[in-house]
């Protein structure tokens, strides 16, 4: 199946247009596998936050052993397989209950063959398409941005790269 995942917002900001990724996923993969794929493809390096999937029928899927008091009737994301998803179904994914990254997930209307789409069946759901600007998980704007309100350093306009660029081989076409 394919699952389109769009980032609705987080850290108190709603995003429009919504950045997104499309995954090819198999029925025997788990929701934990989907969590890893989503967080990786959205550029998150700190995966040590709570998460939950919520469905229109009220079902919640999450890491039950990590919650102090899991919601009644919730399913464990480590063992619940993606086979429970229906073609065309929509559901929500929430990551980091503090920063509240919300995603809307939509299962494609038709099944796909991973052998044709990817040349094999990956262990994890695999991102096959993506678009949009992904905000940093903690609001950093560059490596080393520790004061999120400070202005950026001056732009060296490529001068810091000149010695490296001069060493690159040239091609004629």
Protein backbone atom coordinates (compact mmCIF):
# COMPACT_ATOMS: atom_id res chain seq x y z
CA UNK A 1 0.00 0.00 0.00
CA UNK A 2 1.00 3.63 -0.14
CA UNK A 3 0.56 5.99 2.78
CA UNK A 4 0.75 9.75 2.21
CA UNK A 5 1.82 11.58 5.38
CA UNK A 6 1.39 15.36 5.58
CA UNK A 7 2.74 17.47 8.44
CA UNK A 8 -0.13 19.64 9.73
CA UNK A 9 1.95 21.47 12.32
CA UNK A 10 3.86 21.43 15.57
CA UNK A 11 5.58 23.65 18.15
CA UNK A 12 2.46 25.87 18.10
CA UNK A 13 2.58 26.52 14.34
CA UNK A 14 0.20 25.29 11.66
CA UNK A 15 1.85 24.61 8.30
CA UNK A 16 0.39 25.45 4.92
CA UNK A 17 1.09 24.21 2.38
CA UNK A 18 1.80 21.01 4.25
CA UNK A 19 5.11 19.25 3.65
CA UNK A 20 4.64 15.54 3.04
CA UNK A 21 6.06 12.16 2.20
CA UNK A 22 4.59 9.14 0.43
CA UNK A 23 5.58 5.69 1.71
CA UNK A 24 5.30 2.22 0.29
CA UNK A 25 4.44 -0.08 3.19
CA UNK A 26 3.61 -3.76 3.61
CA UNK A 27 0.80 -5.33 5.63
CA UNK A 28 3.22 -7.23 7.91
CA UNK A 29 5.09 -4.10 8.94
CA UNK A 30 4.06 -2.58 12.27
CA UNK A 31 2.99 0.89 13.30
CA UNK A 32 6.35 1.14 15.11
CA UNK A 33 8.02 0.62 11.73
CA UNK A 34 5.85 3.43 10.32
CA UNK A 35 6.83 5.72 13.23
CA UNK A 36 10.53 5.20 12.46
CA UNK A 37 10.03 5.81 8.74
CA UNK A 38 7.98 8.98 9.30
CA UNK A 39 10.36 10.46 11.87
CA UNK A 40 13.42 9.70 9.77
CA UNK A 41 11.92 11.11 6.57
CA UNK A 42 10.83 14.26 8.39
CA UNK A 43 14.41 14.86 9.54
CA UNK A 44 13.98 14.01 13.22
CA UNK A 45 17.03 12.62 14.96
CA UNK A 46 15.58 12.48 18.49
CA UNK A 47 13.02 9.68 18.28
CA UNK A 48 12.79 9.33 22.08
CA UNK A 49 9.35 10.92 22.39
CA UNK A 50 5.90 9.48 22.85
CA UNK A 51 3.69 9.03 19.81
CA UNK A 52 0.19 7.88 18.95
CA UNK A 53 -1.94 7.09 15.94
CA UNK A 54 -5.63 7.94 16.20
CA UNK A 55 -8.36 6.61 13.94
CA UNK A 56 -11.82 7.96 13.17
CA UNK A 57 -13.41 5.09 15.14
CA UNK A 58 -11.53 6.23 18.26
CA UNK A 59 -8.89 3.49 18.16
CA UNK A 60 -5.47 4.57 19.42
CA UNK A 61 -2.22 2.80 18.55
CA UNK A 62 0.91 3.68 20.53
CA UNK A 63 3.85 2.45 22.61
CA UNK A 64 1.78 1.12 25.52
CA UNK A 65 4.80 0.13 27.61
CA UNK A 66 6.10 3.75 27.50
CA UNK A 67 2.87 5.38 28.70
CA UNK A 68 2.12 5.78 32.40
CA UNK A 69 -1.58 5.14 31.78
CA UNK A 70 -2.39 3.94 28.25
CA UNK A 71 -5.87 4.85 27.00
CA UNK A 72 -8.39 2.07 27.50
CA UNK A 73 -8.53 -0.25 24.51
CA UNK A 74 -5.35 1.17 22.92
CA UNK A 75 -3.31 -1.14 20.70
CA UNK A 76 0.48 -1.57 20.97
CA UNK A 77 2.41 -0.01 18.07
CA UNK A 78 5.15 -2.66 18.36
CA UNK A 79 2.77 -5.51 17.55
CA UNK A 80 -0.11 -3.93 15.61
CA UNK A 81 0.39 -4.58 11.90
CA UNK A 82 -0.38 -2.16 9.09
CA UNK A 83 -2.75 -4.79 7.67
CA UNK A 84 -5.49 -3.18 9.80
CA UNK A 85 -5.46 -0.19 7.41
CA UNK A 86 -8.10 0.04 4.68
CA UNK A 87 -7.53 1.50 1.23
CA UNK A 88 -8.44 5.21 1.28
CA UNK A 89 -8.48 5.38 5.11
CA UNK A 90 -7.32 8.54 6.91
CA UNK A 91 -5.87 8.73 10.42
CA UNK A 92 -3.70 11.01 12.53
CA UNK A 93 -0.15 10.56 13.80
CA UNK A 94 1.06 12.63 16.76
CA UNK A 95 4.74 12.74 17.67
CA UNK A 96 6.22 14.37 20.80
CA UNK A 97 3.27 15.23 23.02
CA UNK A 98 5.07 18.41 24.16
CA UNK A 99 5.83 19.91 20.74
CA UNK A 100 2.72 18.21 19.32
CA UNK A 101 3.79 17.37 15.77
CA UNK A 102 0.52 16.39 14.04
CA UNK A 103 0.39 14.53 10.73
CA UNK A 104 -2.58 13.46 8.61
CA UNK A 105 -2.04 10.06 7.01
CA UNK A 106 -3.96 8.81 3.99
CA UNK A 107 -3.77 5.26 2.68
CA UNK A 108 -3.74 5.14 -1.14
CA UNK A 109 -6.81 3.96 -3.04
CA UNK A 110 -4.99 1.07 -4.74
CA UNK A 111 -2.40 -1.49 -3.69
CA UNK A 112 1.13 -1.34 -5.12
CA UNK A 113 3.72 -4.02 -5.75
CA UNK A 114 6.97 -3.20 -3.88
CA UNK A 115 8.91 -5.38 -6.34
CA UNK A 116 7.79 -3.07 -9.15
CA UNK A 117 7.94 0.22 -7.21
CA UNK A 118 11.17 -0.41 -5.28
CA UNK A 119 12.78 -3.52 -6.72
CA UNK A 120 12.12 -5.45 -3.49
CA UNK A 121 10.28 -5.39 -0.19
CA UNK A 122 12.00 -3.15 2.38
CA UNK A 123 12.02 -3.98 6.10
CA UNK A 124 10.56 -0.56 6.95
CA UNK A 125 7.98 1.53 5.10
CA UNK A 126 10.00 3.34 2.45
CA UNK A 127 9.60 6.97 1.38
CA UNK A 128 9.19 7.10 -2.40
CA UNK A 129 8.26 10.76 -2.76
CA UNK A 130 8.48 13.93 -0.72
CA UNK A 131 7.81 17.63 -1.03
CA UNK A 132 7.88 20.77 1.07
CA UNK A 133 10.10 22.41 3.64
CA UNK A 134 10.50 20.37 6.81
CA UNK A 135 10.83 22.43 10.01
CA UNK A 136 13.56 21.45 12.45
CA UNK A 137 12.36 19.26 15.30
CA UNK A 138 13.47 21.78 17.93
CA UNK A 139 13.37 25.00 15.88
CA UNK A 140 17.11 25.21 15.12
CA UNK A 141 17.91 27.07 11.90
CA UNK A 142 21.50 25.86 11.35
CA UNK A 143 24.01 23.51 12.98
CA UNK A 144 24.99 24.99 16.32
CA UNK A 145 21.90 27.24 16.61
CA UNK A 146 21.58 27.15 20.39
CA UNK A 147 19.83 30.52 20.92
CA UNK A 148 16.71 30.21 18.81
CA UNK A 149 16.15 33.97 18.91
CA UNK A 150 19.64 35.07 17.87
CA UNK A 151 20.21 36.43 14.35
CA UNK A 152 22.08 34.10 11.98
CA UNK A 153 25.81 34.55 11.49
CA UNK A 154 26.90 36.61 8.47
CA UNK A 155 26.74 34.78 5.13
CA UNK A 156 30.29 34.05 3.88
CA UNK A 157 28.82 33.93 0.35
CA UNK A 158 30.77 30.79 -0.51
CA UNK A 159 34.21 32.12 0.48
CA UNK A 160 34.43 29.41 3.16
CA UNK A 161 34.11 26.80 0.37
CA UNK A 162 36.52 28.27 -2.17
CA UNK A 163 39.49 25.97 -1.34
CA UNK A 164 37.26 22.87 -1.50
CA UNK A 165 35.49 23.93 -4.68
CA UNK A 166 38.78 24.70 -6.40
CA UNK A 167 39.83 21.06 -5.82
CA UNK A 168 36.71 19.56 -7.44
CA UNK A 169 37.24 18.04 -10.87
CA UNK A 170 35.73 19.99 -13.73
CA UNK A 171 33.47 18.37 -16.30
CA UNK A 172 32.41 19.66 -19.69
CA UNK A 173 28.81 18.75 -19.75
